[in-house]
Amino acid sequence: MLKSPGWGPAATFWVFAVLCAPAFYITIKLIPETKGNSLEEIEAYWKRKFAAKKNTSKVYSTP
């Protein structure tokens, strides 16, 4: 990937690590912990989350 002698052979792995760090952070923030929850509880969680997004839509009124 990176052929510059100054970077060394580990440069590809460092680039991969840098690109994986944001993906890991986003995964931790967006995917809820489901350990110990039933399928019904998980389904209810997602329904509440998407219902909350629908209710927060902006409504503009004309003066």
PDB file of N, CA and C in Angstrom:
ATOM      1  N   MET A   1       0.829  -1.187   0.000  1.00  0.00           N
ATOM      2  CA  MET A   1       0.000   0.000   0.000  1.00  0.00           C
ATOM      3  C   MET A   1       0.874   1.252   0.000  1.00  0.00           C
ATOM      4  N   LEU A   2       1.616   1.454   1.053  1.00  0.00           N
ATOM      5  CA  LEU A   2       2.505   2.607   1.125  1.00  0.00           C
ATOM      6  C   LEU A   2       3.927   2.126   0.880  1.00  0.00           C
ATOM      7  N   LYS A   3       4.511   2.554  -0.222  1.00  0.00           N
ATOM      8  CA  LYS A   3       5.813   2.037  -0.634  1.00  0.00           C
ATOM      9  C   LYS A   3       6.971   2.920  -0.179  1.00  0.00           C
ATOM     10  N   SER A   4       6.722   3.993   0.512  1.00  0.00           N
ATOM     11  CA  SER A   4       7.792   4.876   0.955  1.00  0.00           C
ATOM     12  C   SER A   4       8.657   4.179   1.997  1.00  0.00           C
ATOM     13  N   PRO A   5       9.977   4.189   1.845  1.00  0.00           N
ATOM     14  CA  PRO A   5      10.833   3.495   2.808  1.00  0.00           C
ATOM     15  C   PRO A   5      10.785   4.131   4.196  1.00  0.00           C
ATOM     16  N   GLY A   6      10.424   5.367   4.280  1.00  0.00           N
ATOM     17  CA  GLY A   6      10.348   6.034   5.578  1.00  0.00           C
ATOM     18  C   GLY A   6       9.174   5.558   6.429  1.00  0.00           C
ATOM     19  N   TRP A   7       8.150   5.038   5.789  1.00  0.00           N
ATOM     20  CA  TRP A   7       6.965   4.592   6.517  1.00  0.00           C
ATOM     21  C   TRP A   7       7.169   3.217   7.139  1.00  0.00           C
ATOM     22  N   GLY A   8       7.892   2.380   6.496  1.00  0.00           N
ATOM     23  CA  GLY A   8       8.104   1.030   7.005  1.00  0.00           C
ATOM     24  C   GLY A   8       6.976   0.101   6.608  1.00  0.00           C
ATOM     25  N   PRO A   9       7.172  -1.191   6.854  1.00  0.00           N
ATOM     26  CA  PRO A   9       6.164  -2.171   6.427  1.00  0.00           C
ATOM     27  C   PRO A   9       4.883  -2.151   7.261  1.00  0.00           C
ATOM     28  N   ALA A  10       4.894  -1.540   8.429  1.00  0.00           N
ATOM     29  CA  ALA A  10       3.710  -1.535   9.287  1.00  0.00           C
ATOM     30  C   ALA A  10       2.739  -0.411   8.961  1.00  0.00           C
ATOM     31  N   ALA A  11       3.069   0.402   7.973  1.00  0.00           N
ATOM     32  CA  ALA A  11       2.223   1.550   7.643  1.00  0.00           C
ATOM     33  C   ALA A  11       0.815   1.130   7.243  1.00  0.00           C
ATOM     34  N   THR A  12       0.686   0.046   6.515  1.00  0.00           N
ATOM     35  CA  THR A  12      -0.629  -0.431   6.087  1.00  0.00           C
ATOM     36  C   THR A  12      -1.496  -0.749   7.298  1.00  0.00           C
ATOM     37  N   PHE A  13      -0.912  -1.369   8.283  1.00  0.00           N
ATOM     38  CA  PHE A  13      -1.673  -1.730   9.465  1.00  0.00           C
ATOM     39  C   PHE A  13      -2.049  -0.508  10.299  1.00  0.00           C
ATOM     40  N   TRP A  14      -1.179   0.498  10.353  1.00  0.00           N
ATOM     41  CA  TRP A  14      -1.515   1.734  11.063  1.00  0.00           C
ATOM     42  C   TRP A  14      -2.656   2.479  10.370  1.00  0.00           C
ATOM     43  N   VAL A  15      -2.622   2.492   9.050  1.00  0.00           N
ATOM     44  CA  VAL A  15      -3.716   3.133   8.306  1.00  0.00           C
ATOM     45  C   VAL A  15      -5.022   2.401   8.579  1.00  0.00           C
ATOM     46  N   PHE A  16      -4.975   1.091   8.572  1.00  0.00           N
ATOM     47  CA  PHE A  16      -6.166   0.301   8.869  1.00  0.00           C
ATOM     48  C   PHE A  16      -6.669   0.584  10.283  1.00  0.00           C
ATOM     49  N   ALA A  17      -5.773   0.668  11.250  1.00  0.00           N
ATOM     50  CA  ALA A  17      -6.163   0.955  12.636  1.00  0.00           C
ATOM     51  C   ALA A  17      -6.808   2.328  12.760  1.00  0.00           C
ATOM     52  N   VAL A  18      -6.257   3.307  12.065  1.00  0.00           N
ATOM     53  CA  VAL A  18      -6.819   4.665  12.111  1.00  0.00           C
ATOM     54  C   VAL A  18      -8.211   4.693  11.498  1.00  0.00           C
ATOM     55  N   LEU A  19      -8.420   3.921  10.434  1.00  0.00           N
ATOM     56  CA  LEU A  19      -9.731   3.878   9.805  1.00  0.00           C
ATOM     57  C   LEU A  19     -10.745   3.079  10.625  1.00  0.00           C
ATOM     58  N   CYS A  20     -10.284   2.111  11.401  1.00  0.00           N
ATOM     59  CA  CYS A  20     -11.184   1.300  12.218  1.00  0.00           C
ATOM     60  C   CYS A  20     -11.624   2.018  13.495  1.00  0.00           C
ATOM     61  N   ALA A  21     -10.833   2.931  13.993  1.00  0.00           N
ATOM     62  CA  ALA A  21     -11.156   3.610  15.248  1.00  0.00           C
ATOM     63  C   ALA A  21     -12.496   4.349  15.183  1.00  0.00           C
ATOM     64  N   PRO A  22     -12.763   5.178  14.168  1.00  0.00           N
ATOM     65  CA  PRO A  22     -14.086   5.827  14.102  1.00  0.00           C
ATOM     66  C   PRO A  22     -15.229   4.824  13.943  1.00  0.00           C
ATOM     67  N   ALA A  23     -14.986   3.761  13.179  1.00  0.00           N
ATOM     68  CA  ALA A  23     -16.031   2.746  13.002  1.00  0.00           C
ATOM     69  C   ALA A  23     -16.357   2.076  14.332  1.00  0.00           C
ATOM     70  N   PHE A  24     -15.356   1.802  15.129  1.00  0.00           N
ATOM     71  CA  PHE A  24     -15.566   1.202  16.439  1.00  0.00           C
ATOM     72  C   PHE A  24     -16.366   2.141  17.344  1.00  0.00           C
ATOM     73  N   TYR A  25     -16.017   3.420  17.350  1.00  0.00           N
ATOM     74  CA  TYR A  25     -16.723   4.407  18.171  1.00  0.00           C
ATOM     75  C   TYR A  25     -18.193   4.512  17.755  1.00  0.00           C
ATOM     76  N   ILE A  26     -18.453   4.584  16.468  1.00  0.00           N
ATOM     77  CA  ILE A  26     -19.830   4.681  15.971  1.00  0.00           C
ATOM     78  C   ILE A  26     -20.616   3.432  16.337  1.00  0.00           C
ATOM     79  N   THR A  27     -19.990   2.274  16.232  1.00  0.00           N
ATOM     80  CA  THR A  27     -20.660   1.020  16.581  1.00  0.00           C
ATOM     81  C   THR A  27     -21.048   1.008  18.051  1.00  0.00           C
ATOM     82  N   ILE A  28     -20.159   1.441  18.920  1.00  0.00           N
ATOM     83  CA  ILE A  28     -20.436   1.463  20.355  1.00  0.00           C
ATOM     84  C   ILE A  28     -21.586   2.418  20.666  1.00  0.00           C
ATOM     85  N   LYS A  29     -21.651   3.549  19.981  1.00  0.00           N
ATOM     86  CA  LYS A  29     -22.686   4.547  20.256  1.00  0.00           C
ATOM     87  C   LYS A  29     -24.047   4.187  19.668  1.00  0.00           C
ATOM     88  N   LEU A  30     -24.101   3.523  18.529  1.00  0.00           N
ATOM     89  CA  LEU A  30     -25.367   3.302  17.843  1.00  0.00           C
ATOM     90  C   LEU A  30     -26.031   1.959  18.132  1.00  0.00           C
ATOM     91  N   ILE A  31     -25.259   0.941  18.456  1.00  0.00           N
ATOM     92  CA  ILE A  31     -25.835  -0.381  18.654  1.00  0.00           C
ATOM     93  C   ILE A  31     -26.024  -0.624  20.145  1.00  0.00           C
ATOM     94  N   PRO A  32     -27.254  -0.832  20.595  1.00  0.00           N
ATOM     95  CA  PRO A  32     -27.507  -0.997  22.028  1.00  0.00           C
ATOM     96  C   PRO A  32     -27.069  -2.370  22.541  1.00  0.00           C
ATOM     97  N   GLU A  33     -26.821  -2.443  23.835  1.00  0.00           N
ATOM     98  CA  GLU A  33     -26.497  -3.719  24.477  1.00  0.00           C
ATOM     99  C   GLU A  33     -27.787  -4.532  24.582  1.00  0.00           C
ATOM    100  N   THR A  34     -27.750  -5.762  24.122  1.00  0.00           N
ATOM    101  CA  THR A  34     -28.950  -6.600  24.135  1.00  0.00           C
ATOM    102  C   THR A  34     -28.785  -7.825  25.020  1.00  0.00           C
ATOM    103  N   LYS A  35     -27.691  -7.914  25.724  1.00  0.00           N
ATOM    104  CA  LYS A  35     -27.439  -9.075  26.580  1.00  0.00           C
ATOM    105  C   LYS A  35     -28.478  -9.123  27.695  1.00  0.00           C
ATOM    106  N   GLY A  36     -29.153 -10.247  27.828  1.00  0.00           N
ATOM    107  CA  GLY A  36     -30.146 -10.422  28.879  1.00  0.00           C
ATOM    108  C   GLY A  36     -31.534  -9.912  28.528  1.00  0.00           C
ATOM    109  N   ASN A  37     -31.706  -9.344  27.342  1.00  0.00           N
ATOM    110  CA  ASN A  37     -33.018  -8.851  26.921  1.00  0.00           C
ATOM    111  C   ASN A  37     -33.692  -9.881  26.021  1.00  0.00           C
ATOM    112  N   SER A  38     -34.997  -9.949  26.128  1.00  0.00           N
ATOM    113  CA  SER A  38     -35.740 -10.838  25.241  1.00  0.00           C
ATOM    114  C   SER A  38     -35.915 -10.159  23.885  1.00  0.00           C
ATOM    115  N   LEU A  39     -36.316 -10.925  22.908  1.00  0.00           N
ATOM    116  CA  LEU A  39     -36.549 -10.361  21.580  1.00  0.00           C
ATOM    117  C   LEU A  39     -37.648  -9.296  21.616  1.00  0.00           C
ATOM    118  N   GLU A  40     -38.638  -9.504  22.462  1.00  0.00           N
ATOM    119  CA  GLU A  40     -39.723  -8.527  22.576  1.00  0.00           C
ATOM    120  C   GLU A  40     -39.217  -7.210  23.150  1.00  0.00           C
ATOM    121  N   GLU A  41     -38.307  -7.267  24.123  1.00  0.00           N
ATOM    122  CA  GLU A  41     -37.743  -6.048  24.700  1.00  0.00           C
ATOM    123  C   GLU A  41     -36.877  -5.306  23.681  1.00  0.00           C
ATOM    124  N   ILE A  42     -36.128  -6.047  22.891  1.00  0.00           N
ATOM    125  CA  ILE A  42     -35.299  -5.429  21.856  1.00  0.00           C
ATOM    126  C   ILE A  42     -36.177  -4.779  20.797  1.00  0.00           C
ATOM    127  N   GLU A  43     -37.243  -5.464  20.405  1.00  0.00           N
ATOM    128  CA  GLU A  43     -38.170  -4.903  19.417  1.00  0.00           C
ATOM    129  C   GLU A  43     -38.830  -3.635  19.951  1.00  0.00           C
ATOM    130  N   ALA A  44     -39.225  -3.652  21.217  1.00  0.00           N
ATOM    131  CA  ALA A  44     -39.840  -2.469  21.818  1.00  0.00           C
ATOM    132  C   ALA A  44     -38.852  -1.307  21.861  1.00  0.00           C
ATOM    133  N   TYR A  45     -37.592  -1.591  22.131  1.00  0.00           N
ATOM    134  CA  TYR A  45     -36.563  -0.542  22.152  1.00  0.00           C
ATOM    135  C   TYR A  45     -36.474   0.149  20.791  1.00  0.00           C
ATOM    136  N   TRP A  46     -36.383  -0.657  19.717  1.00  0.00           N
ATOM    137  CA  TRP A  46     -36.260  -0.070  18.382  1.00  0.00           C
ATOM    138  C   TRP A  46     -37.518   0.683  17.977  1.00  0.00           C
ATOM    139  N   LYS A  47     -38.686   0.170  18.372  1.00  0.00           N
ATOM    140  CA  LYS A  47     -39.925   0.880  18.053  1.00  0.00           C
ATOM    141  C   LYS A  47     -39.975   2.225  18.765  1.00  0.00           C
ATOM    142  N   ARG A  48     -39.570   2.259  20.041  1.00  0.00           N
ATOM    143  CA  ARG A  48     -39.537   3.531  20.777  1.00  0.00           C
ATOM    144  C   ARG A  48     -38.545   4.497  20.150  1.00  0.00           C
ATOM    145  N   LYS A  49     -37.394   4.002  19.748  1.00  0.00           N
ATOM    146  CA  LYS A  49     -36.367   4.861  19.183  1.00  0.00           C
ATOM    147  C   LYS A  49     -36.830   5.481  17.870  1.00  0.00           C
ATOM    148  N   PHE A  50     -37.449   4.674  16.983  1.00  0.00           N
ATOM    149  CA  PHE A  50     -37.908   5.214  15.716  1.00  0.00           C
ATOM    150  C   PHE A  50     -39.161   6.077  15.880  1.00  0.00           C
ATOM    151  N   ALA A  51     -39.994   5.785  16.863  1.00  0.00           N
ATOM    152  CA  ALA A  51     -41.167   6.623  17.116  1.00  0.00           C
ATOM    153  C   ALA A  51     -40.724   7.988  17.617  1.00  0.00           C
ATOM    154  N   ALA A  52     -39.673   8.024  18.424  1.00  0.00           N
ATOM    155  CA  ALA A  52     -39.163   9.293  18.928  1.00  0.00           C
ATOM    156  C   ALA A  52     -38.603  10.134  17.784  1.00  0.00           C
ATOM    157  N   LYS A  53     -37.967   9.506  16.804  1.00  0.00           N
ATOM    158  CA  LYS A  53     -37.436  10.249  15.660  1.00  0.00           C
ATOM    159  C   LYS A  53     -38.561  10.839  14.817  1.00  0.00           C
ATOM    160  N   LYS A  54     -39.663  10.110  14.679  1.00  0.00           N
ATOM    161  CA  LYS A  54     -40.786  10.626  13.898  1.00  0.00           C
ATOM    162  C   LYS A  54     -41.416  11.825  14.587  1.00  0.00           C
ATOM    163  N   ASN A  55     -41.457  11.811  15.919  1.00  0.00           N
ATOM    164  CA  ASN A  55     -42.083  12.893  16.662  1.00  0.00           C
ATOM    165  C   ASN A  55     -41.212  14.136  16.754  1.00  0.00           C
ATOM    166  N   THR A  56     -39.949  14.025  16.437  1.00  0.00           N
ATOM    167  CA  THR A  56     -39.070  15.187  16.532  1.00  0.00           C
ATOM    168  C   THR A  56     -38.903  15.901  15.207  1.00  0.00           C
ATOM    169  N   SER A  57     -39.727  15.575  14.226  1.00  0.00           N
ATOM    170  CA  SER A  57     -39.618  16.262  12.939  1.00  0.00           C
ATOM    171  C   SER A  57     -40.038  17.722  13.129  1.00  0.00           C
ATOM    172  N   LYS A  58     -39.345  18.583  12.423  1.00  0.00           N
ATOM    173  CA  LYS A  58     -39.583  20.022  12.577  1.00  0.00           C
ATOM    174  C   LYS A  58     -40.833  20.440  11.809  1.00  0.00           C
ATOM    175  N   VAL A  59     -41.648  21.191  12.476  1.00  0.00           N
ATOM    176  CA  VAL A  59     -42.858  21.727  11.850  1.00  0.00           C
ATOM    177  C   VAL A  59     -42.706  23.240  11.806  1.00  0.00           C
ATOM    178  N   TYR A  60     -42.751  23.779  10.616  1.00  0.00           N
ATOM    179  CA  TYR A  60     -42.605  25.214  10.468  1.00  0.00           C
ATOM    180  C   TYR A  60     -43.979  25.828  10.288  1.00  0.00           C
ATOM    181  N   SER A  61     -44.223  26.854  11.053  1.00  0.00           N
ATOM    182  CA  SER A  61     -45.506  27.540  10.935  1.00  0.00           C
ATOM    183  C   SER A  61     -45.283  28.889  10.259  1.00  0.00           C
ATOM    184  N   THR A  62     -46.275  29.307   9.524  1.00  0.00           N
ATOM    185  CA  THR A  62     -46.177  30.611   8.850  1.00  0.00           C
ATOM    186  C   THR A  62     -46.751  31.671   9.766  1.00  0.00           C
ATOM    187  N   PRO A  63     -46.104  32.799   9.832  1.00  0.00           N
ATOM    188  CA  PRO A  63     -46.607  33.884  10.720  1.00  0.00           C
ATOM    189  C   PRO A  63     -47.851  34.548  10.192  1.00  0.00           C
TER     190      PRO A  63
END
